[in-house]
Amino acid sequence: MDLKNAIHECWSKIDEGHVATYIPALANVNPYQLGVCLFDVTNDHKEQAGASQVRFAVESVSKVISLLYAIDQLGLEAVSSQVGTRQTGFPFDTILNMEITGESQPLNPFVNSGAILISSLIEEQDGQSPFDQILDFSRKICNDPGITLDQEIYLSELETGDRNRSLAYYLKARGTLNNDVTTSLDTYFRQCSMMVTCESLANLGAVLANDGIAPWNSERLISSQAATYTKSVMMTTGLYTESGTYSVQIGVPTKSGVGGGLVAAAPSHCGIGIFSPALNPVGNSVAGLALLEMISRELKLDIFKY
């Protein structure tokens, strides 16, 4: 597949979106960027085009990484007993789902309440803070030692994170979040402020697509069970309230972030990383999803069709 041509075909979609403005540092990002990296796990071959090496804020794509790390440290049963796997039907930053249903736990790990709870489960270990552990794990599973914390974005997260604070204190009041709220939130804000590339995310997607084994060195980085669980949750809840729509249109487990990133994992085929910061009202990359849909169609990646 000609990725450069695919980018050209999807470029006009950028005008249909807008960069995230509720986080000041993201409001300054140039919307006219579109990049992709595709890692074929069947032959250990990688292709990329466009802004594939531009670093951007991982934002909610980090929820995949922190979930995998929590499972690695605590076990799947311990994690899944505290966070559900159901679609909420509500925006990612609301607590309405728990209020209306009377649930005592977040409905899935990719809404903000669920992600904050996941981050809270990771405790200091061997003198390493929870975030430092997540950062090290990110560098390993993304095969990218260049992943760092962006201080400006982190400070923007702190400045504008009152809704996330309300979610954390709500969970604390319900007896769901047991660790320190301030530490848990700081871990969450920091993990969202890590800087990645399309290639970083393609590597992450490739590990998931390859059943937890890094295709670049054949090392098992996560369990098969963790890979399967996470791909399933990505398929059903990874694109916020549009998850069902794109399960039908794309058919590949995918997670988005408001920094404009997308990570997708086509089981036994490839990992895909995409970046384009212009978002639709739901918070998903407009041109990025158009490009992913084209790739899925051309390469026949839809798990429900092939």
C-alpha atoms as a PDB file:
ATOM      1  CA  MET A   1       0.000   0.000   0.000  1.00  0.00           C
ATOM      2  CA  ASP A   2       1.268   3.478  -0.888  1.00  0.00           C
ATOM      3  CA  LEU A   3       1.073   5.319   2.452  1.00  0.00           C
ATOM      4  CA  LYS A   4       2.136   8.660   0.950  1.00  0.00           C
ATOM      5  CA  ASN A   5      -0.754   8.528  -1.489  1.00  0.00           C
ATOM      6  CA  ALA A   6      -3.137   7.544   1.321  1.00  0.00           C
ATOM      7  CA  ILE A   7      -2.056  10.598   3.320  1.00  0.00           C
ATOM      8  CA  HIS A   8      -2.646  12.786   0.266  1.00  0.00           C
ATOM      9  CA  GLU A   9      -6.165  11.384  -0.142  1.00  0.00           C
ATOM     10  CA  CYS A  10      -7.051  11.974   3.509  1.00  0.00           C
ATOM     11  CA  TRP A  11      -5.398  15.380   3.882  1.00  0.00           C
ATOM     12  CA  SER A  12      -8.559  17.433   3.239  1.00  0.00           C
ATOM     13  CA  LYS A  13     -10.222  15.773   6.244  1.00  0.00           C
ATOM     14  CA  ILE A  14      -8.025  17.893   8.496  1.00  0.00           C
ATOM     15  CA  ASP A  15     -10.246  20.893   7.767  1.00  0.00           C
ATOM     16  CA  GLU A  16     -13.192  19.080   9.330  1.00  0.00           C
ATOM     17  CA  GLY A  17     -11.568  19.087  12.778  1.00  0.00           C
ATOM     18  CA  HIS A  18      -9.987  21.348  15.370  1.00  0.00           C
ATOM     19  CA  VAL A  19      -7.095  20.893  17.767  1.00  0.00           C
ATOM     20  CA  ALA A  20      -7.943  20.396  21.438  1.00  0.00           C
ATOM     21  CA  THR A  21      -8.171  23.788  23.114  1.00  0.00           C
ATOM     22  CA  TYR A  22      -9.163  22.899  26.672  1.00  0.00           C
ATOM     23  CA  ILE A  23      -5.512  22.005  27.350  1.00  0.00           C
ATOM     24  CA  PRO A  24      -3.598  25.227  26.542  1.00  0.00           C
ATOM     25  CA  ALA A  25      -0.412  23.541  25.334  1.00  0.00           C
ATOM     26  CA  LEU A  26      -2.365  21.446  22.820  1.00  0.00           C
ATOM     27  CA  ALA A  27      -4.147  24.508  21.445  1.00  0.00           C
ATOM     28  CA  ASN A  28      -0.836  25.665  19.941  1.00  0.00           C
ATOM     29  CA  VAL A  29      -0.221  22.495  17.906  1.00  0.00           C
ATOM     30  CA  ASN A  30      -0.241  22.883  14.115  1.00  0.00           C
ATOM     31  CA  PRO A  31      -3.363  21.041  12.895  1.00  0.00           C
ATOM     32  CA  TYR A  32      -1.943  20.475   9.411  1.00  0.00           C
ATOM     33  CA  GLN A  33      -0.028  17.311  10.198  1.00  0.00           C
ATOM     34  CA  LEU A  34      -0.755  13.729   9.235  1.00  0.00           C
ATOM     35  CA  GLY A  35       1.622  10.856   9.730  1.00  0.00           C
ATOM     36  CA  VAL A  36       1.488   7.070   9.821  1.00  0.00           C
ATOM     37  CA  CYS A  37       3.703   4.119  10.628  1.00  0.00           C
ATOM     38  CA  LEU A  38       2.731   0.529   9.890  1.00  0.00           C
ATOM     39  CA  PHE A  39       4.597  -2.404  11.451  1.00  0.00           C
ATOM     40  CA  ASP A  40       3.879  -5.715   9.689  1.00  0.00           C
ATOM     41  CA  VAL A  41       4.493  -8.424  12.292  1.00  0.00           C
ATOM     42  CA  THR A  42       4.372 -11.218   9.728  1.00  0.00           C
ATOM     43  CA  ASN A  43       7.687 -10.198   8.187  1.00  0.00           C
ATOM     44  CA  ASP A  44       9.074  -7.676  10.714  1.00  0.00           C
ATOM     45  CA  HIS A  45       8.712  -4.924   8.115  1.00  0.00           C
ATOM     46  CA  LYS A  46       7.952  -1.289   8.871  1.00  0.00           C
ATOM     47  CA  GLU A  47       6.696   1.478   6.569  1.00  0.00           C
ATOM     48  CA  GLN A  48       6.021   5.106   7.418  1.00  0.00           C
ATOM     49  CA  ALA A  49       5.041   8.343   5.753  1.00  0.00           C
ATOM     50  CA  GLY A  50       4.179  11.944   6.524  1.00  0.00           C
ATOM     51  CA  ALA A  51       4.683  13.274  10.044  1.00  0.00           C
ATOM     52  CA  SER A  52       5.586   9.839  11.387  1.00  0.00           C
ATOM     53  CA  GLN A  53       8.579  11.078  13.407  1.00  0.00           C
ATOM     54  CA  VAL A  54       6.934  14.178  14.898  1.00  0.00           C
ATOM     55  CA  ARG A  55       6.606  13.928  18.665  1.00  0.00           C
ATOM     56  CA  PHE A  56       3.193  14.641  20.152  1.00  0.00           C
ATOM     57  CA  ALA A  57       1.402  14.202  23.464  1.00  0.00           C
ATOM     58  CA  VAL A  58       0.231  10.629  23.920  1.00  0.00           C
ATOM     59  CA  GLU A  59      -2.755  11.750  26.056  1.00  0.00           C
ATOM     60  CA  SER A  60      -5.419   9.000  26.312  1.00  0.00           C
ATOM     61  CA  VAL A  61      -3.429   6.490  24.285  1.00  0.00           C
ATOM     62  CA  SER A  62      -1.373   6.228  27.483  1.00  0.00           C
ATOM     63  CA  LYS A  63      -4.362   4.460  29.026  1.00  0.00           C
ATOM     64  CA  VAL A  64      -3.432   1.382  26.991  1.00  0.00           C
ATOM     65  CA  ILE A  65       0.096   1.466  28.390  1.00  0.00           C
ATOM     66  CA  SER A  66      -0.890   2.020  32.026  1.00  0.00           C
ATOM     67  CA  LEU A  67      -3.519  -0.730  31.773  1.00  0.00           C
ATOM     68  CA  LEU A  68      -0.943  -3.179  30.427  1.00  0.00           C
ATOM     69  CA  TYR A  69       1.540  -2.202  33.119  1.00  0.00           C
ATOM     70  CA  ALA A  70      -1.025  -2.565  35.897  1.00  0.00           C
ATOM     71  CA  ILE A  71      -1.932  -6.026  34.600  1.00  0.00           C
ATOM     72  CA  ASP A  72       1.755  -6.924  34.423  1.00  0.00           C
ATOM     73  CA  GLN A  73       2.313  -5.828  38.030  1.00  0.00           C
ATOM     74  CA  LEU A  74      -0.927  -6.926  39.703  1.00  0.00           C
ATOM     75  CA  GLY A  75      -2.426  -9.575  37.446  1.00  0.00           C
ATOM     76  CA  LEU A  76      -5.494  -9.406  35.237  1.00  0.00           C
ATOM     77  CA  GLU A  77      -7.910 -10.625  37.882  1.00  0.00           C
ATOM     78  CA  ALA A  78      -6.901  -7.921  40.353  1.00  0.00           C
ATOM     79  CA  VAL A  79      -7.241  -5.174  37.726  1.00  0.00           C
ATOM     80  CA  SER A  80     -10.453  -6.379  36.087  1.00  0.00           C
ATOM     81  CA  SER A  81     -12.112  -6.744  39.494  1.00  0.00           C
ATOM     82  CA  GLN A  82     -11.818  -2.984  39.980  1.00  0.00           C
ATOM     83  CA  VAL A  83     -12.631  -1.625  36.507  1.00  0.00           C
ATOM     84  CA  GLY A  84     -15.281  -2.910  34.100  1.00  0.00           C
ATOM     85  CA  THR A  85     -15.216  -3.420  30.335  1.00  0.00           C
ATOM     86  CA  ARG A  86     -18.535  -1.909  29.261  1.00  0.00           C
ATOM     87  CA  GLN A  87     -19.190   1.028  26.934  1.00  0.00           C
ATOM     88  CA  THR A  88     -20.599   3.964  28.884  1.00  0.00           C
ATOM     89  CA  GLY A  89     -22.549   5.863  26.245  1.00  0.00           C
ATOM     90  CA  PHE A  90     -21.339   9.096  27.862  1.00  0.00           C
ATOM     91  CA  PRO A  91     -18.354  11.399  27.225  1.00  0.00           C
ATOM     92  CA  PHE A  92     -14.985  10.170  28.495  1.00  0.00           C
ATOM     93  CA  ASP A  93     -14.687  12.800  31.239  1.00  0.00           C
ATOM     94  CA  THR A  94     -18.049  12.435  32.962  1.00  0.00           C
ATOM     95  CA  ILE A  95     -19.129  10.473  36.013  1.00  0.00           C
ATOM     96  CA  LEU A  96     -22.755  10.257  34.846  1.00  0.00           C
ATOM     97  CA  ASN A  97     -22.452   6.569  33.960  1.00  0.00           C
ATOM     98  CA  MET A  98     -21.694   5.676  37.578  1.00  0.00           C
ATOM     99  CA  GLU A  99     -24.304   8.033  38.957  1.00  0.00           C
ATOM    100  CA  ILE A 100     -27.118   6.801  36.718  1.00  0.00           C
ATOM    101  CA  THR A 101     -26.357   3.095  36.943  1.00  0.00           C
ATOM    102  CA  GLY A 102     -25.355   3.131  40.588  1.00  0.00           C
ATOM    103  CA  GLU A 103     -22.074   1.448  39.749  1.00  0.00           C
ATOM    104  CA  SER A 104     -19.360   1.580  42.392  1.00  0.00           C
ATOM    105  CA  GLN A 105     -16.589   1.180  39.796  1.00  0.00           C
ATOM    106  CA  PRO A 106     -15.751   2.854  36.473  1.00  0.00           C
ATOM    107  CA  LEU A 107     -17.326   1.055  33.538  1.00  0.00           C
ATOM    108  CA  ASN A 108     -14.055   0.679  31.589  1.00  0.00           C
ATOM    109  CA  PRO A 109     -10.359   1.606  31.835  1.00  0.00           C
ATOM    110  CA  PHE A 110     -10.452   4.089  28.946  1.00  0.00           C
ATOM    111  CA  VAL A 111     -12.862   6.644  30.377  1.00  0.00           C
ATOM    112  CA  ASN A 112     -11.010   9.107  32.588  1.00  0.00           C
ATOM    113  CA  SER A 113     -12.406   7.779  35.852  1.00  0.00           C
ATOM    114  CA  GLY A 114     -11.276   4.275  34.923  1.00  0.00           C
ATOM    115  CA  ALA A 115      -7.851   5.428  33.767  1.00  0.00           C
ATOM    116  CA  ILE A 116      -7.283   7.429  36.964  1.00  0.00           C
ATOM    117  CA  LEU A 117      -8.212   4.380  39.001  1.00  0.00           C
ATOM    118  CA  ILE A 118      -5.794   2.224  36.977  1.00  0.00           C
ATOM    119  CA  SER A 119      -3.010   4.750  37.587  1.00  0.00           C
ATOM    120  CA  SER A 120      -3.815   4.720  41.301  1.00  0.00           C
ATOM    121  CA  LEU A 121      -3.161   0.975  41.468  1.00  0.00           C
ATOM    122  CA  ILE A 122       0.509   1.438  40.604  1.00  0.00           C
ATOM    123  CA  GLU A 123       2.528   2.109  43.728  1.00  0.00           C
ATOM    124  CA  GLU A 124       6.105   3.183  44.379  1.00  0.00           C
ATOM    125  CA  GLN A 125       8.497   0.303  43.905  1.00  0.00           C
ATOM    126  CA  ASP A 126      12.253   0.077  44.484  1.00  0.00           C
ATOM    127  CA  GLY A 127      12.405   3.839  44.915  1.00  0.00           C
ATOM    128  CA  GLN A 128      10.654   4.450  41.583  1.00  0.00           C
ATOM    129  CA  SER A 129       7.532   6.590  41.490  1.00  0.00           C
ATOM    130  CA  PRO A 130       4.468   5.176  39.723  1.00  0.00           C
ATOM    131  CA  PHE A 131       5.038   7.534  36.788  1.00  0.00           C
ATOM    132  CA  ASP A 132       8.714   6.599  36.418  1.00  0.00           C
ATOM    133  CA  GLN A 133       7.652   2.958  36.206  1.00  0.00           C
ATOM    134  CA  ILE A 134       5.076   3.788  33.522  1.00  0.00           C
ATOM    135  CA  LEU A 135       7.662   5.838  31.622  1.00  0.00           C
ATOM    136  CA  ASP A 136      10.188   2.978  31.661  1.00  0.00           C
ATOM    137  CA  PHE A 137       7.516   0.526  30.563  1.00  0.00           C
ATOM    138  CA  SER A 138       6.406   2.908  27.789  1.00  0.00           C
ATOM    139  CA  ARG A 139       9.935   3.130  26.429  1.00  0.00           C
ATOM    140  CA  LYS A 140      10.186  -0.647  26.448  1.00  0.00           C
ATOM    141  CA  ILE A 141       6.846  -1.591  24.916  1.00  0.00           C
ATOM    142  CA  CYS A 142       7.036   1.242  22.356  1.00  0.00           C
ATOM    143  CA  ASN A 143      10.717   0.418  21.646  1.00  0.00           C
ATOM    144  CA  ASP A 144      11.438   4.123  21.976  1.00  0.00           C
ATOM    145  CA  PRO A 145      14.006   5.347  24.535  1.00  0.00           C
ATOM    146  CA  GLY A 146      13.243   8.907  23.373  1.00  0.00           C
ATOM    147  CA  ILE A 147       9.861   9.045  25.118  1.00  0.00           C
ATOM    148  CA  THR A 148      10.000  11.823  27.709  1.00  0.00           C
ATOM    149  CA  LEU A 149       7.696  13.970  29.799  1.00  0.00           C
ATOM    150  CA  ASP A 150       6.783  17.308  28.213  1.00  0.00           C
ATOM    151  CA  GLN A 151       6.821  19.772  31.090  1.00  0.00           C
ATOM    152  CA  GLU A 152       4.658  22.381  29.331  1.00  0.00           C
ATOM    153  CA  ILE A 153       1.901  19.878  28.585  1.00  0.00           C
ATOM    154  CA  TYR A 154       2.126  18.441  32.094  1.00  0.00           C
ATOM    155  CA  LEU A 155       1.683  21.901  33.603  1.00  0.00           C
ATOM    156  CA  SER A 156      -1.268  22.515  31.245  1.00  0.00           C
ATOM    157  CA  GLU A 157      -2.823  19.266  32.454  1.00  0.00           C
ATOM    158  CA  LEU A 158      -2.376  20.410  36.047  1.00  0.00           C
ATOM    159  CA  GLU A 159      -3.846  23.832  35.294  1.00  0.00           C
ATOM    160  CA  THR A 160      -6.959  22.554  33.542  1.00  0.00           C
ATOM    161  CA  GLY A 161      -7.493  19.219  35.325  1.00  0.00           C
ATOM    162  CA  ASP A 162     -10.289  20.157  37.717  1.00  0.00           C
ATOM    163  CA  ARG A 163     -12.795  17.792  36.128  1.00  0.00           C
ATOM    164  CA  ASN A 164     -10.316  14.932  36.521  1.00  0.00           C
ATOM    165  CA  ARG A 165      -9.795  15.983  40.129  1.00  0.00           C
ATOM    166  CA  SER A 166     -13.537  15.800  40.676  1.00  0.00           C
ATOM    167  CA  LEU A 167     -13.582  12.299  39.192  1.00  0.00           C
ATOM    168  CA  ALA A 168     -10.757  11.166  41.458  1.00  0.00           C
ATOM    169  CA  TYR A 169     -12.365  12.578  44.603  1.00  0.00           C
ATOM    170  CA  TYR A 170     -15.690  11.059  43.611  1.00  0.00           C
ATOM    171  CA  LEU A 171     -14.004   7.655  43.359  1.00  0.00           C
ATOM    172  CA  LYS A 172     -12.301   8.264  46.711  1.00  0.00           C
ATOM    173  CA  ALA A 173     -15.606   9.212  48.341  1.00  0.00           C
ATOM    174  CA  ARG A 174     -17.216   6.037  46.990  1.00  0.00           C
ATOM    175  CA  GLY A 175     -14.420   3.942  48.472  1.00  0.00           C
ATOM    176  CA  THR A 176     -13.299   2.844  45.008  1.00  0.00           C
ATOM    177  CA  LEU A 177      -9.949   4.657  44.851  1.00  0.00           C
ATOM    178  CA  ASN A 178      -7.943   3.545  47.861  1.00  0.00           C
ATOM    179  CA  ASN A 179      -4.593   5.260  47.332  1.00  0.00           C
ATOM    180  CA  ASP A 180      -3.639   8.921  47.675  1.00  0.00           C
ATOM    181  CA  VAL A 181      -5.673  11.105  45.329  1.00  0.00           C
ATOM    182  CA  THR A 182      -2.966  13.704  44.690  1.00  0.00           C
ATOM    183  CA  THR A 183      -0.354  11.086  43.806  1.00  0.00           C
ATOM    184  CA  SER A 184      -2.794   9.176  41.606  1.00  0.00           C
ATOM    185  CA  LEU A 185      -3.747  12.319  39.698  1.00  0.00           C
ATOM    186  CA  ASP A 186      -0.145  13.412  39.292  1.00  0.00           C
ATOM    187  CA  THR A 187       0.692  10.004  37.812  1.00  0.00           C
ATOM    188  CA  TYR A 188      -2.231  10.309  35.419  1.00  0.00           C
ATOM    189  CA  PHE A 189      -1.403  13.868  34.325  1.00  0.00           C
ATOM    190  CA  ARG A 190       2.223  12.917  33.753  1.00  0.00           C
ATOM    191  CA  GLN A 191       1.474   9.776  31.745  1.00  0.00           C
ATOM    192  CA  CYS A 192      -0.794  11.795  29.446  1.00  0.00           C
ATOM    193  CA  SER A 193       2.055  14.262  28.885  1.00  0.00           C
ATOM    194  CA  MET A 194       4.553  11.758  27.478  1.00  0.00           C
ATOM    195  CA  MET A 195       5.790  12.532  23.967  1.00  0.00           C
ATOM    196  CA  VAL A 196       5.582   9.764  21.370  1.00  0.00           C
ATOM    197  CA  THR A 197       5.695   9.335  17.583  1.00  0.00           C
ATOM    198  CA  CYS A 198       3.676   7.327  15.083  1.00  0.00           C
ATOM    199  CA  GLU A 199       6.499   4.801  15.134  1.00  0.00           C
ATOM    200  CA  SER A 200       6.282   4.513  18.927  1.00  0.00           C
ATOM    201  CA  LEU A 201       2.576   3.695  18.666  1.00  0.00           C
ATOM    202  CA  ALA A 202       3.063   1.319  15.741  1.00  0.00           C
ATOM    203  CA  ASN A 203       5.524  -0.606  17.898  1.00  0.00           C
ATOM    204  CA  LEU A 204       3.005  -0.712  20.747  1.00  0.00           C
ATOM    205  CA  GLY A 205       0.307  -1.884  18.345  1.00  0.00           C
ATOM    206  CA  ALA A 206       2.658  -4.512  16.936  1.00  0.00           C
ATOM    207  CA  VAL A 207       3.220  -6.028  20.386  1.00  0.00           C
ATOM    208  CA  LEU A 208      -0.544  -6.268  20.875  1.00  0.00           C
ATOM    209  CA  ALA A 209      -1.031  -7.655  17.361  1.00  0.00           C
ATOM    210  CA  ASN A 210       1.717 -10.209  17.976  1.00  0.00           C
ATOM    211  CA  ASP A 211       0.065 -11.643  21.101  1.00  0.00           C
ATOM    212  CA  GLY A 212       2.315  -9.771  23.506  1.00  0.00           C
ATOM    213  CA  ILE A 213       5.640 -10.594  21.860  1.00  0.00           C
ATOM    214  CA  ALA A 214       7.896  -7.799  20.577  1.00  0.00           C
ATOM    215  CA  PRO A 215       8.401  -8.547  16.865  1.00  0.00           C
ATOM    216  CA  TRP A 216      11.740  -6.681  16.852  1.00  0.00           C
ATOM    217  CA  ASN A 217      13.469  -9.127  19.217  1.00  0.00           C
ATOM    218  CA  SER A 218      10.933 -11.911  19.953  1.00  0.00           C
ATOM    219  CA  GLU A 219      10.822 -11.032  23.661  1.00  0.00           C
ATOM    220  CA  ARG A 220       7.511 -11.524  25.423  1.00  0.00           C
ATOM    221  CA  LEU A 221       6.683  -8.141  26.952  1.00  0.00           C
ATOM    222  CA  ILE A 222       3.137  -8.836  28.127  1.00  0.00           C
ATOM    223  CA  SER A 223       1.119 -11.981  28.595  1.00  0.00           C
ATOM    224  CA  SER A 224      -1.106 -13.335  25.852  1.00  0.00           C
ATOM    225  CA  GLN A 225      -4.033 -12.875  28.241  1.00  0.00           C
ATOM    226  CA  ALA A 226      -3.205  -9.197  28.766  1.00  0.00           C
ATOM    227  CA  ALA A 227      -2.865  -8.599  25.018  1.00  0.00           C
ATOM    228  CA  THR A 228      -6.205 -10.267  24.272  1.00  0.00           C
ATOM    229  CA  TYR A 229      -8.019  -8.432  27.076  1.00  0.00           C
ATOM    230  CA  THR A 230      -6.639  -5.049  26.073  1.00  0.00           C
ATOM    231  CA  LYS A 231      -7.410  -5.468  22.368  1.00  0.00           C
ATOM    232  CA  SER A 232     -10.977  -6.433  23.263  1.00  0.00           C
ATOM    233  CA  VAL A 233     -11.448  -3.306  25.383  1.00  0.00           C
ATOM    234  CA  MET A 234      -9.876  -1.162  22.658  1.00  0.00           C
ATOM    235  CA  MET A 235     -12.404  -2.503  20.167  1.00  0.00           C
ATOM    236  CA  THR A 236     -15.415  -1.781  22.351  1.00  0.00           C
ATOM    237  CA  THR A 237     -14.399   1.426  24.156  1.00  0.00           C
ATOM    238  CA  GLY A 238     -11.203   2.794  22.581  1.00  0.00           C
ATOM    239  CA  LEU A 239     -12.773   5.559  20.496  1.00  0.00           C
ATOM    240  CA  TYR A 240     -15.013   7.081  23.131  1.00  0.00           C
ATOM    241  CA  THR A 241     -18.679   7.263  22.091  1.00  0.00           C
ATOM    242  CA  GLU A 242     -17.736   6.447  18.467  1.00  0.00           C
ATOM    243  CA  SER A 243     -16.343   3.033  19.371  1.00  0.00           C
ATOM    244  CA  GLY A 244     -19.323   1.133  17.998  1.00  0.00           C
ATOM    245  CA  THR A 245     -19.364   3.165  14.796  1.00  0.00           C
ATOM    246  CA  TYR A 246     -15.735   2.457  13.996  1.00  0.00           C
ATOM    247  CA  SER A 247     -15.957  -1.189  15.047  1.00  0.00           C
ATOM    248  CA  VAL A 248     -18.282  -1.443  12.060  1.00  0.00           C
ATOM    249  CA  GLN A 249     -16.368   0.871   9.704  1.00  0.00           C
ATOM    250  CA  ILE A 250     -12.798  -0.156  10.538  1.00  0.00           C
ATOM    251  CA  GLY A 251     -12.997  -3.383  12.518  1.00  0.00           C
ATOM    252  CA  VAL A 252      -9.569  -3.081  14.169  1.00  0.00           C
ATOM    253  CA  PRO A 253      -8.911  -2.588  17.900  1.00  0.00           C
ATOM    254  CA  THR A 254      -7.968   1.091  18.243  1.00  0.00           C
ATOM    255  CA  LYS A 255      -7.331   3.668  20.954  1.00  0.00           C
ATOM    256  CA  SER A 256      -7.312   7.420  20.389  1.00  0.00           C
ATOM    257  CA  GLY A 257      -6.000  10.413  22.306  1.00  0.00           C
ATOM    258  CA  VAL A 258      -6.811  14.120  22.144  1.00  0.00           C
ATOM    259  CA  GLY A 259      -3.207  14.808  21.188  1.00  0.00           C
ATOM    260  CA  GLY A 260      -4.195  13.429  17.781  1.00  0.00           C
ATOM    261  CA  GLY A 261      -2.709   9.970  18.164  1.00  0.00           C
ATOM    262  CA  LEU A 262      -4.191   6.612  17.237  1.00  0.00           C
ATOM    263  CA  VAL A 263      -2.805   3.169  18.010  1.00  0.00           C
ATOM    264  CA  ALA A 264      -4.346   0.180  16.259  1.00  0.00           C
ATOM    265  CA  ALA A 265      -3.574  -3.530  16.503  1.00  0.00           C
ATOM    266  CA  ALA A 266      -4.712  -5.867  13.746  1.00  0.00           C
ATOM    267  CA  PRO A 267      -4.251  -9.305  15.324  1.00  0.00           C
ATOM    268  CA  SER A 268      -1.526 -11.405  13.658  1.00  0.00           C
ATOM    269  CA  HIS A 269      -1.102  -8.709  10.994  1.00  0.00           C
ATOM    270  CA  CYS A 270       0.251  -5.338  12.066  1.00  0.00           C
ATOM    271  CA  GLY A 271       0.490  -2.483  14.506  1.00  0.00           C
ATOM    272  CA  ILE A 272      -0.423   0.994  13.267  1.00  0.00           C
ATOM    273  CA  GLY A 273       0.429   4.402  14.686  1.00  0.00           C
ATOM    274  CA  ILE A 274      -1.205   7.541  13.293  1.00  0.00           C
ATOM    275  CA  PHE A 275      -0.946  11.230  14.197  1.00  0.00           C
ATOM    276  CA  SER A 276      -3.153  14.099  13.107  1.00  0.00           C
ATOM    277  CA  PRO A 277      -4.180  16.612  15.793  1.00  0.00           C
ATOM    278  CA  ALA A 278      -7.399  18.019  14.293  1.00  0.00           C
ATOM    279  CA  LEU A 279     -10.216  16.352  16.244  1.00  0.00           C
ATOM    280  CA  ASN A 280     -13.936  15.861  15.779  1.00  0.00           C
ATOM    281  CA  PRO A 281     -16.329  16.914  18.598  1.00  0.00           C
ATOM    282  CA  VAL A 282     -15.982  13.522  20.288  1.00  0.00           C
ATOM    283  CA  GLY A 283     -12.188  13.878  20.561  1.00  0.00           C
ATOM    284  CA  ASN A 284     -11.020  11.566  17.780  1.00  0.00           C
ATOM    285  CA  SER A 285      -8.622  12.512  14.974  1.00  0.00           C
ATOM    286  CA  VAL A 286     -10.677  13.190  11.834  1.00  0.00           C
ATOM    287  CA  ALA A 287      -7.999  12.623   9.195  1.00  0.00           C
ATOM    288  CA  GLY A 288      -6.410   9.920  11.329  1.00  0.00           C
ATOM    289  CA  LEU A 289      -9.558   7.803  11.405  1.00  0.00           C
ATOM    290  CA  ALA A 290     -10.113   8.355   7.670  1.00  0.00           C
ATOM    291  CA  LEU A 291      -6.567   7.126   7.045  1.00  0.00           C
ATOM    292  CA  LEU A 292      -6.993   4.129   9.359  1.00  0.00           C
ATOM    293  CA  GLU A 293     -10.240   3.202   7.628  1.00  0.00           C
ATOM    294  CA  MET A 294      -8.487   3.317   4.261  1.00  0.00           C
ATOM    295  CA  ILE A 295      -5.605   1.176   5.515  1.00  0.00           C
ATOM    296  CA  SER A 296      -7.987  -1.364   7.023  1.00  0.00           C
ATOM    297  CA  ARG A 297      -9.933  -1.608   3.778  1.00  0.00           C
ATOM    298  CA  GLU A 298      -6.897  -1.818   1.485  1.00  0.00           C
ATOM    299  CA  LEU A 299      -5.012  -4.351   3.611  1.00  0.00           C
ATOM    300  CA  LYS A 300      -8.137  -6.290   4.592  1.00  0.00           C
ATOM    301  CA  LEU A 301      -7.554  -5.941   8.320  1.00  0.00           C
ATOM    302  CA  ASP A 302     -11.178  -5.878   9.536  1.00  0.00           C
ATOM    303  CA  ILE A 303     -11.361  -8.739  12.052  1.00  0.00           C
ATOM    304  CA  PHE A 304     -15.058  -9.210  11.358  1.00  0.00           C
ATOM    305  CA  LYS A 305     -14.582  -9.714   7.617  1.00  0.00           C
ATOM    306  CA  TYR A 306     -11.303 -11.567   7.162  1.00  0.00           C
END
